[in-house]
Amino acid sequence: MYTFIVILIMVVCVALALAVLVQNSKGGGLAANFSAPNQVLGVRKTTETIEKITWGLAIALAVLSLAATIAIPRHSAERTMNTELDMSAAKSATTAPAATVPTAAEAAAEADAQAE
């Protein structure tokens, strides 16, 4: 499900980029090419349509981003974390503390104490 949402987000992003590039803020651009007199939709209608498409895609991107956040597979991360904690606890429980090896000075002092 998460992968499907991410793919949809990518498609919406590309469509949104194209919709923004087609728009023109000052009346020129690609929308001005549709101003032929025999055009059923005039330039004004085309601009409004592209603006509505842009807003729709922006809203869809926001909703899909929230859906992706909700759909992130979190159980696998928790399971990995719990497994690592269990392994470290088992390792520390089975490992006995190492015996301390006396240093040369301690061994000499012990030998002197036994000699007296």
Protein backbone atom coordinates (compact mmCIF):
# COMPACT_ATOMS: atom_id res chain seq x y z
CA MET A 1 0.00 0.00 0.00
CA TYR A 2 2.82 2.37 0.90
CA THR A 3 4.58 1.75 -2.42
CA PHE A 4 1.36 2.44 -4.33
CA ILE A 5 0.91 5.76 -2.51
CA VAL A 6 4.49 6.77 -3.21
CA ILE A 7 4.03 6.02 -6.92
CA LEU A 8 0.84 8.12 -6.93
CA ILE A 9 2.72 10.97 -5.25
CA MET A 10 5.37 10.87 -7.99
CA VAL A 11 2.74 10.91 -10.75
CA VAL A 12 0.94 13.84 -9.09
CA CYS A 13 4.24 15.72 -8.74
CA VAL A 14 5.03 15.37 -12.43
CA ALA A 15 1.49 16.40 -13.40
CA LEU A 16 1.64 19.38 -11.05
CA ALA A 17 4.96 20.51 -12.51
CA LEU A 18 3.51 20.31 -16.02
CA ALA A 19 0.38 22.20 -14.96
CA VAL A 20 2.46 24.98 -13.43
CA LEU A 21 4.67 25.22 -16.51
CA VAL A 22 1.65 25.47 -18.80
CA GLN A 23 0.21 28.37 -16.83
CA ASN A 24 1.11 31.95 -17.51
CA SER A 25 0.94 34.63 -14.89
CA LYS A 26 0.97 37.61 -17.32
CA GLY A 27 -1.25 36.39 -20.13
CA GLY A 28 1.34 34.80 -22.44
CA GLY A 29 2.66 31.26 -22.29
CA LEU A 30 1.04 28.10 -23.58
CA ALA A 31 -2.47 29.17 -22.52
CA ALA A 32 -2.26 32.11 -24.98
CA ASN A 33 -1.86 29.69 -27.90
CA PHE A 34 -5.47 28.61 -27.46
CA SER A 35 -6.87 32.05 -28.27
CA ALA A 36 -7.98 31.25 -31.83
CA PRO A 37 -11.37 32.78 -32.69
CA ASN A 38 -12.84 29.37 -33.57
CA GLN A 39 -11.88 27.97 -30.18
CA VAL A 40 -14.82 26.73 -28.13
CA LEU A 41 -13.08 27.56 -24.88
CA GLY A 42 -11.50 30.98 -24.84
CA VAL A 43 -8.21 31.93 -23.21
CA ARG A 44 -10.04 32.90 -20.05
CA LYS A 45 -11.70 29.49 -19.75
CA THR A 46 -8.44 27.68 -20.46
CA THR A 47 -6.62 29.67 -17.79
CA GLU A 48 -9.35 28.96 -15.25
CA THR A 49 -9.32 25.25 -16.12
CA ILE A 50 -5.54 24.98 -15.75
CA GLU A 51 -5.73 26.87 -12.45
CA LYS A 52 -8.39 24.48 -11.14
CA ILE A 53 -6.28 21.51 -12.23
CA THR A 54 -3.26 22.99 -10.42
CA TRP A 55 -5.21 23.48 -7.19
CA GLY A 56 -6.65 19.98 -7.44
CA LEU A 57 -3.22 18.45 -7.93
CA ALA A 58 -1.79 20.46 -5.03
CA ILE A 59 -4.56 19.26 -2.74
CA ALA A 60 -4.10 15.69 -3.97
CA LEU A 61 -0.37 15.92 -3.23
CA ALA A 62 -1.04 17.10 0.34
CA VAL A 63 -3.60 14.34 0.96
CA LEU A 64 -1.36 11.65 -0.52
CA SER A 65 1.58 12.86 1.58
CA LEU A 66 -0.50 12.52 4.74
CA ALA A 67 -1.70 9.09 3.62
CA ALA A 68 1.89 8.00 3.00
CA THR A 69 2.86 9.14 6.48
CA ILE A 70 0.07 7.05 7.97
CA ALA A 71 0.86 4.03 5.77
CA ILE A 72 4.60 3.85 6.56
CA PRO A 73 5.36 0.25 7.62
CA ARG A 74 6.44 0.83 11.22
CA HIS A 75 6.03 -2.74 12.50
CA SER A 76 9.19 -3.94 10.80
CA ALA A 77 11.30 -1.25 12.47
CA GLU A 78 9.85 -2.07 15.88
CA ARG A 79 10.42 -5.78 15.32
CA THR A 80 14.06 -5.17 14.34
CA MET A 81 14.60 -3.01 17.39
CA ASN A 82 13.06 -5.57 19.73
CA THR A 83 15.14 -8.35 18.17
CA GLU A 84 18.35 -6.38 18.67
CA LEU A 85 17.45 -5.65 22.29
CA ASP A 86 16.65 -9.31 22.92
CA MET A 87 19.92 -10.42 21.33
CA SER A 88 22.00 -7.99 23.41
CA ALA A 89 20.19 -9.03 26.61
CA ALA A 90 20.76 -12.71 25.87
CA LYS A 91 24.41 -12.08 25.08
CA SER A 92 25.01 -10.23 28.36
CA ALA A 93 23.16 -12.89 30.37
CA THR A 94 25.17 -15.80 28.98
CA THR A 95 28.55 -14.13 29.16
CA ALA A 96 30.15 -14.50 32.60
CA PRO A 97 32.38 -11.72 33.78
CA ALA A 98 36.01 -12.37 32.92
CA ALA A 99 38.37 -13.35 35.73
CA THR A 100 40.79 -10.65 36.60
CA VAL A 101 44.43 -11.42 35.96
CA PRO A 102 46.75 -9.94 38.61
CA THR A 103 49.37 -7.56 37.42
CA ALA A 104 53.07 -8.22 37.99
CA ALA A 105 53.18 -5.89 40.99
CA GLU A 106 50.20 -7.61 42.60
CA ALA A 107 51.72 -11.05 41.97
CA ALA A 108 55.00 -9.94 43.53
CA ALA A 109 53.22 -8.49 46.56
CA GLU A 110 51.25 -11.71 46.99
CA ALA A 111 54.41 -13.79 46.71
CA ASP A 112 56.12 -11.61 49.36
CA ALA A 113 53.12 -12.00 51.64
CA GLN A 114 53.23 -15.78 51.30
CA ALA A 115 57.00 -15.87 51.87
CA GLU A 116 56.72 -14.17 55.24
